[in-house]
Amino acid sequence: MLDVLASEELPAPASTDKLPPAPALQACARAAPAQTGVYLFRDAAARPLYIGKSVNLRSRIQAHLRNPDEARMLHAAQDVVWQLCAGETAALLLEADLIKRWQPEHNILLRSARSLCSLQLDQDGARLVSAREYDFASSPDLYGLFSGKTRAFAALRELLEAHALCPQLCGLEPRIHGRPCFSHQIGRCRGACAGVESSAEHQARLRAALHDMRLLVWPFEGPILISEGDAAWRQHQVVDKWCWLGWIDEGARPAPPLAQCLEHKKSRRAGFDADIYRILLKPLLSGKLDIRAAPPDWRTQLAHPAPAAAAPRPRKEKAHEASRAG
């Protein structure tokens, strides 16, 4: 059974800056297994305050209790619970999913971006596109992942300055017939806007400058299984189009799923997930993961339910035009 140790009612001290962890939290840390998994510090209402993962749950939870910078979170915490995972990839995927669903107060990274966008190249240069309208898992010529329009255009402007590219041809400035961009006038653009450089040459340089930011289209025909574990217990993570859909257990799981935390406060739409993309990209490309095609009946085998499927919204041409910098 999963160990969940609840703390006793303690009076709140005047200051928590140097307060030692509550005895119940220390007991949780001692009871935690030295195994891979995801852990949750929870408040009195069983709401997650902080969610993390580790290859050694006991050591990581104990490290939190020794960290004075986390005194406020530890004072609010009433217990620590954990979910064992068959490997580090499984822990990374579950951690990312739980953080996005619960949005814990003390987790800053891995929270879902409200307006995920990317840069797409076309014959007119670069334009901003939204994950709400495009399927990032299958759309070609997408570059970079940004949490909003401001960050996307800031990154593009920095790239243009580094490679002497034209702000007009890249959509950062309006194109005025017969008038070169200001960057060309001060020697920071090679003159594609003034006919000094051809549009084809400029487009090739822009594509080369963006090369390292290019998003990889989902390289499989359908969902895959990523397997970890041993002969006694193997866990198969189901992933499709850079979206984690849940896991399938094979063998004797050492502890039951953490049902009270997997019954998420906040549901999410299936679709391209930037965090899952970042977690899996390098391991997939390196060939270090044990992967195979998911069986046709994978949904009926899930130990953790998949999010509801949802397709991207229809594209709106006017929205694309408005996304170009004016």
Protein backbone atom coordinates (compact mmCIF):
# COMPACT_ATOMS: atom_id res chain seq x y z
CA MET A 1 0.00 0.00 0.00
CA LEU A 2 1.02 3.58 -0.57
CA ASP A 3 2.32 5.25 2.59
CA VAL A 4 0.51 8.51 3.41
CA LEU A 5 1.31 9.97 6.80
CA ALA A 6 -0.89 12.82 8.05
CA SER A 7 0.44 15.44 10.42
CA GLU A 8 -1.12 16.38 13.73
CA GLU A 9 -2.70 19.76 14.30
CA LEU A 10 0.05 22.20 15.30
CA PRO A 11 -0.31 25.85 16.33
CA ALA A 12 1.05 28.26 13.73
CA PRO A 13 4.22 29.97 14.92
CA ALA A 14 4.77 33.69 14.58
CA SER A 15 7.54 33.14 12.04
CA THR A 16 8.32 30.15 9.83
CA ASP A 17 11.67 31.32 8.48
CA LYS A 18 13.72 29.07 10.80
CA LEU A 19 11.04 26.59 11.81
CA PRO A 20 12.17 22.93 11.65
CA PRO A 21 9.91 20.62 9.60
CA ALA A 22 6.91 19.18 11.39
CA PRO A 23 7.48 15.69 12.87
CA ALA A 24 4.89 14.25 10.47
CA LEU A 25 6.88 15.48 7.45
CA GLN A 26 10.03 13.95 8.90
CA ALA A 27 8.15 10.69 9.35
CA CYS A 28 7.00 10.87 5.71
CA ALA A 29 10.59 11.35 4.57
CA ARG A 30 11.77 8.34 6.59
CA ALA A 31 8.96 6.19 5.19
CA ALA A 32 9.55 7.17 1.57
CA PRO A 33 11.24 4.47 -0.52
CA ALA A 34 14.65 4.99 -2.08
CA GLN A 35 13.07 4.45 -5.50
CA THR A 36 12.08 6.45 -8.56
CA GLY A 37 8.81 8.30 -8.46
CA VAL A 38 6.82 11.51 -8.12
CA TYR A 39 6.09 13.12 -4.75
CA LEU A 40 3.58 15.73 -3.60
CA PHE A 41 3.72 18.00 -0.55
CA ARG A 42 0.06 18.61 0.37
CA ASP A 43 -1.81 21.02 2.62
CA ALA A 44 -4.55 20.25 5.13
CA ALA A 45 -7.14 20.04 2.33
CA ALA A 46 -4.97 17.51 0.43
CA ARG A 47 -4.17 20.12 -2.25
CA PRO A 48 -0.67 19.80 -3.70
CA LEU A 49 1.65 22.63 -2.64
CA TYR A 50 4.66 21.31 -4.53
CA ILE A 51 5.14 18.42 -6.96
CA GLY A 52 8.52 16.95 -7.86
CA LYS A 53 10.21 13.81 -9.10
CA SER A 54 13.35 11.93 -8.15
CA VAL A 55 15.19 8.68 -8.75
CA ASN A 56 15.44 8.46 -4.94
CA LEU A 57 12.25 9.68 -3.26
CA ARG A 58 13.55 9.40 0.30
CA SER A 59 16.70 11.40 -0.37
CA ARG A 60 14.88 14.10 -2.32
CA ILE A 61 12.11 14.60 0.26
CA GLN A 62 14.72 14.82 3.03
CA ALA A 63 16.56 17.45 1.01
CA HIS A 64 13.42 19.60 0.95
CA LEU A 65 13.16 19.39 4.74
CA ARG A 66 16.72 20.70 5.09
CA ASN A 67 16.22 23.65 2.76
CA PRO A 68 15.51 26.90 4.68
CA ASP A 69 14.32 28.59 1.48
CA GLU A 70 11.29 26.28 1.51
CA ALA A 71 10.20 27.09 5.07
CA ARG A 72 6.91 28.69 3.99
CA MET A 73 5.91 25.68 1.90
CA LEU A 74 6.96 23.23 4.62
CA HIS A 75 4.97 25.09 7.26
CA ALA A 76 1.81 24.81 5.14
CA ALA A 77 2.44 21.14 4.27
CA GLN A 78 0.56 18.49 6.26
CA ASP A 79 1.84 15.37 4.54
CA VAL A 80 3.86 14.00 1.64
CA VAL A 81 2.57 11.32 -0.71
CA TRP A 82 4.27 9.67 -3.62
CA GLN A 83 3.70 7.62 -6.75
CA LEU A 84 6.30 5.01 -7.70
CA CYS A 85 7.39 4.92 -11.34
CA ALA A 86 9.23 2.20 -13.23
CA GLY A 87 11.83 4.63 -14.58
CA GLU A 88 12.92 8.25 -14.82
CA THR A 89 11.06 8.94 -18.08
CA ALA A 90 7.81 7.82 -16.48
CA ALA A 91 8.49 10.13 -13.51
CA LEU A 92 9.25 13.10 -15.75
CA LEU A 93 6.03 12.61 -17.73
CA LEU A 94 3.83 12.18 -14.65
CA GLU A 95 5.42 15.16 -12.88
CA ALA A 96 4.84 17.44 -15.87
CA ASP A 97 1.23 16.31 -16.20
CA LEU A 98 0.39 16.72 -12.51
CA ILE A 99 1.93 20.19 -12.31
CA LYS A 100 -0.08 21.42 -15.29
CA ARG A 101 -3.30 19.98 -13.91
CA TRP A 102 -2.93 21.10 -10.29
CA GLN A 103 -0.89 24.31 -10.79
CA PRO A 104 0.73 24.09 -7.31
CA GLU A 105 1.62 27.39 -5.67
CA HIS A 106 5.29 26.49 -5.20
CA ASN A 107 5.92 25.06 -8.68
CA ILE A 108 7.04 27.68 -11.17
CA LEU A 109 8.42 25.59 -14.03
CA LEU A 110 6.30 23.22 -16.14
CA ARG A 111 3.09 25.20 -15.74
CA SER A 112 1.13 25.23 -18.96
CA ALA A 113 1.52 28.28 -21.20
CA ARG A 114 -1.79 29.99 -21.85
CA SER A 115 -0.84 31.02 -25.37
CA LEU A 116 1.73 28.64 -26.84
CA CYS A 117 2.98 29.85 -30.22
CA SER A 118 5.71 29.26 -32.77
CA LEU A 119 7.22 30.91 -35.84
CA GLN A 120 6.30 29.51 -39.25
CA LEU A 121 8.22 30.20 -42.44
CA ASP A 122 6.38 30.84 -45.68
CA GLN A 123 7.19 32.61 -48.94
CA ASP A 124 6.69 36.00 -47.30
CA GLY A 125 9.04 35.35 -44.35
CA ALA A 126 8.18 34.44 -40.76
CA ARG A 127 4.81 34.73 -39.06
CA LEU A 128 3.47 33.84 -35.65
CA VAL A 129 1.10 30.88 -35.35
CA SER A 130 -0.82 29.62 -32.31
CA ALA A 131 -1.12 26.07 -31.01
CA ARG A 132 -4.84 26.75 -30.69
CA GLU A 133 -5.13 26.89 -34.47
CA TYR A 134 -2.26 24.70 -35.68
CA ASP A 135 -1.34 21.13 -34.85
CA PHE A 136 2.30 21.65 -33.87
CA ALA A 137 2.92 17.89 -33.96
CA SER A 138 2.29 17.63 -37.70
CA SER A 139 2.79 21.16 -39.11
CA PRO A 140 6.07 21.60 -41.01
CA ASP A 141 8.39 24.61 -40.93
CA LEU A 142 7.70 25.59 -37.32
CA TYR A 143 10.53 27.13 -35.31
CA GLY A 144 10.73 27.62 -31.56
CA LEU A 145 8.21 27.32 -28.75
CA PHE A 146 7.15 30.52 -27.01
CA SER A 147 4.72 31.30 -24.21
CA GLY A 148 3.38 34.37 -26.00
CA LYS A 149 3.66 36.82 -28.88
CA THR A 150 5.99 39.20 -27.04
CA ARG A 151 8.61 36.52 -26.33
CA ALA A 152 8.36 35.12 -29.84
CA PHE A 153 9.02 38.45 -31.54
CA ALA A 154 11.76 39.32 -29.03
CA ALA A 155 13.56 36.09 -29.92
CA LEU A 156 13.08 36.76 -33.64
CA ARG A 157 14.41 40.30 -33.36
CA GLU A 158 17.49 39.06 -31.51
CA LEU A 159 18.06 36.52 -34.29
CA LEU A 160 17.69 39.17 -37.02
CA GLU A 161 20.22 41.44 -35.37
CA ALA A 162 22.73 38.59 -35.05
CA HIS A 163 22.42 37.59 -38.73
CA ALA A 164 21.74 40.97 -40.41
CA LEU A 165 18.31 39.84 -41.58
CA CYS A 166 15.57 42.20 -42.72
CA PRO A 167 12.81 43.12 -40.21
CA GLN A 168 10.43 43.88 -43.10
CA LEU A 169 10.81 40.48 -44.76
CA CYS A 170 10.53 38.76 -41.38
CA GLY A 171 7.26 40.47 -40.47
CA LEU A 172 8.58 42.71 -37.71
CA GLU A 173 8.06 45.94 -39.67
CA PRO A 174 5.50 46.92 -42.33
CA ARG A 175 6.74 46.65 -45.91
CA ILE A 176 6.61 49.99 -47.74
CA HIS A 177 7.23 49.82 -51.46
CA GLY A 178 10.42 51.59 -52.46
CA ARG A 179 11.55 52.27 -48.89
CA PRO A 180 14.20 50.05 -47.26
CA CYS A 181 13.98 49.17 -43.59
CA PHE A 182 15.66 51.31 -40.96
CA SER A 183 18.09 48.48 -40.16
CA HIS A 184 19.42 48.64 -43.73
CA GLN A 185 19.93 52.38 -43.41
CA ILE A 186 22.18 51.89 -40.39
CA GLY A 187 24.01 48.87 -41.83
CA ARG A 188 22.27 46.09 -39.89
CA CYS A 189 20.36 44.56 -42.83
CA ARG A 190 21.98 43.28 -46.02
CA GLY A 191 19.34 44.93 -48.16
CA ALA A 192 16.75 42.37 -49.20
CA CYS A 193 14.22 45.17 -48.75
CA ALA A 194 16.22 47.41 -51.13
CA GLY A 195 16.98 44.86 -53.86
CA VAL A 196 20.61 44.46 -52.81
CA GLU A 197 19.96 40.88 -51.71
CA SER A 198 17.43 38.62 -53.42
CA SER A 199 14.40 37.38 -51.51
CA ALA A 200 15.52 33.79 -52.12
CA GLU A 201 18.95 34.46 -50.61
CA HIS A 202 17.39 36.19 -47.62
CA GLN A 203 14.92 33.34 -47.11
CA ALA A 204 17.78 30.82 -47.19
CA ARG A 205 19.71 32.79 -44.58
CA LEU A 206 16.61 33.10 -42.40
CA ARG A 207 15.98 29.37 -42.60
CA ALA A 208 19.61 28.65 -41.71
CA ALA A 209 19.48 31.03 -38.74
CA LEU A 210 16.35 29.30 -37.44
CA HIS A 211 17.63 25.77 -38.08
CA ASP A 212 18.45 24.87 -34.48
CA MET A 213 14.97 26.01 -33.37
CA ARG A 214 13.04 23.83 -35.82
CA LEU A 215 10.32 21.66 -34.28
CA LEU A 216 10.41 17.98 -35.07
CA VAL A 217 7.17 16.70 -36.61
CA TRP A 218 5.92 13.61 -34.74
CA PRO A 219 8.03 10.87 -36.39
CA PHE A 220 5.66 7.93 -35.88
CA GLU A 221 2.48 6.83 -37.63
CA GLY A 222 0.49 6.69 -34.40
CA PRO A 223 0.82 6.30 -30.63
CA ILE A 224 3.89 4.59 -29.19
CA LEU A 225 4.80 2.82 -25.96
CA ILE A 226 7.89 3.88 -24.04
CA SER A 227 8.80 0.99 -21.74
CA GLU A 228 10.77 0.95 -18.48
CA GLY A 229 11.13 -1.44 -15.58
CA ASP A 230 12.22 -5.00 -14.87
CA ALA A 231 10.88 -8.52 -15.11
CA ALA A 232 8.66 -8.02 -12.06
CA TRP A 233 7.05 -4.74 -13.16
CA ARG A 234 7.19 -2.83 -16.41
CA GLN A 235 5.47 0.45 -17.13
CA HIS A 236 4.57 1.47 -20.69
CA GLN A 237 3.99 5.20 -21.28
CA VAL A 238 1.58 5.94 -24.13
CA VAL A 239 2.58 8.98 -26.19
CA ASP A 240 1.13 10.31 -29.43
CA LYS A 241 1.91 13.55 -31.29
CA TRP A 242 4.04 14.82 -28.39
CA CYS A 243 1.18 14.31 -25.93
CA TRP A 244 1.37 11.94 -22.97
CA LEU A 245 -1.80 9.85 -22.80
CA GLY A 246 -1.19 7.72 -19.72
CA TRP A 247 0.52 4.45 -18.81
CA ILE A 248 -0.05 0.71 -18.97
CA ASP A 249 1.18 -1.55 -16.15
CA GLU A 250 2.61 -4.99 -16.86
CA GLY A 251 3.37 -7.30 -13.94
CA ALA A 252 2.99 -6.71 -10.21
CA ARG A 253 3.01 -3.01 -9.40
CA PRO A 254 4.75 -2.49 -6.01
CA ALA A 255 2.13 0.06 -4.89
CA PRO A 256 -1.30 1.11 -6.20
CA PRO A 257 -1.70 4.34 -8.20
CA LEU A 258 -2.11 7.51 -6.16
CA ALA A 259 -5.81 7.77 -6.93
CA GLN A 260 -6.51 10.85 -4.83
CA CYS A 261 -4.00 12.86 -6.86
CA LEU A 262 -4.58 11.29 -10.25
CA GLU A 263 -8.21 12.41 -9.98
CA HIS A 264 -7.07 15.78 -11.19
CA LYS A 265 -8.53 19.10 -10.15
CA LYS A 266 -8.10 20.42 -13.68
CA SER A 267 -8.60 18.41 -16.86
CA ARG A 268 -6.61 19.24 -19.96
CA ARG A 269 -7.11 18.96 -23.68
CA ALA A 270 -5.16 16.38 -25.62
CA GLY A 271 -2.76 17.84 -28.13
CA PHE A 272 0.81 19.00 -28.57
CA ASP A 273 2.45 19.49 -25.17
CA ALA A 274 5.59 21.64 -25.12
CA ASP A 275 6.88 20.04 -21.91
CA ILE A 276 6.45 16.50 -23.23
CA TYR A 277 8.21 17.59 -26.43
CA ARG A 278 11.19 18.92 -24.44
CA ILE A 279 11.32 15.86 -22.18
CA LEU A 280 11.27 13.28 -24.99
CA LEU A 281 13.01 14.96 -27.93
CA LYS A 282 16.65 14.20 -27.10
CA PRO A 283 16.05 10.68 -25.70
CA LEU A 284 14.02 9.74 -28.78
CA LEU A 285 16.62 11.10 -31.18
CA SER A 286 19.44 9.39 -29.27
CA GLY A 287 17.75 5.99 -29.55
CA LYS A 288 18.09 5.39 -25.79
CA LEU A 289 14.40 4.71 -25.19
CA ASP A 290 12.71 1.33 -25.50
CA ILE A 291 9.83 2.13 -27.86
CA ARG A 292 7.34 0.25 -30.00
CA ALA A 293 3.96 0.91 -31.58
CA ALA A 294 1.03 0.94 -29.17
CA PRO A 295 -1.47 -1.93 -29.59
CA PRO A 296 -4.88 -1.10 -31.08
CA ASP A 297 -6.59 -1.61 -27.70
CA TRP A 298 -4.20 0.55 -25.68
CA ARG A 299 -7.01 2.74 -24.30
CA THR A 300 -8.64 -0.21 -22.55
CA GLN A 301 -5.37 -1.09 -20.79
CA LEU A 302 -4.60 2.32 -19.30
CA ALA A 303 -3.94 2.45 -15.56
CA HIS A 304 -4.01 6.26 -15.78
CA PRO A 305 -6.73 7.77 -17.99
CA ALA A 306 -5.88 9.80 -21.05
CA PRO A 307 -7.07 13.41 -21.40
CA ALA A 308 -10.08 14.08 -23.58
CA ALA A 309 -9.15 14.36 -27.24
CA ALA A 310 -9.52 17.76 -28.86
CA ALA A 311 -8.46 18.94 -32.28
CA PRO A 312 -6.91 22.36 -32.93
CA ARG A 313 -9.38 25.10 -33.76
CA PRO A 314 -9.90 25.98 -37.42
CA ARG A 315 -7.38 28.45 -38.74
CA LYS A 316 -8.51 32.00 -39.33
CA GLU A 317 -6.69 33.88 -42.05
CA LYS A 318 -7.43 37.26 -40.47
CA ALA A 319 -5.85 36.10 -37.24
CA HIS A 320 -2.70 35.14 -39.14
CA GLU A 321 -2.49 38.51 -40.77
CA ALA A 322 -2.94 40.21 -37.42
CA SER A 323 -0.15 38.08 -35.94
CA ARG A 324 2.44 39.75 -38.17
CA ALA A 325 4.16 42.59 -36.44
CA GLY A 326 2.98 45.93 -37.64
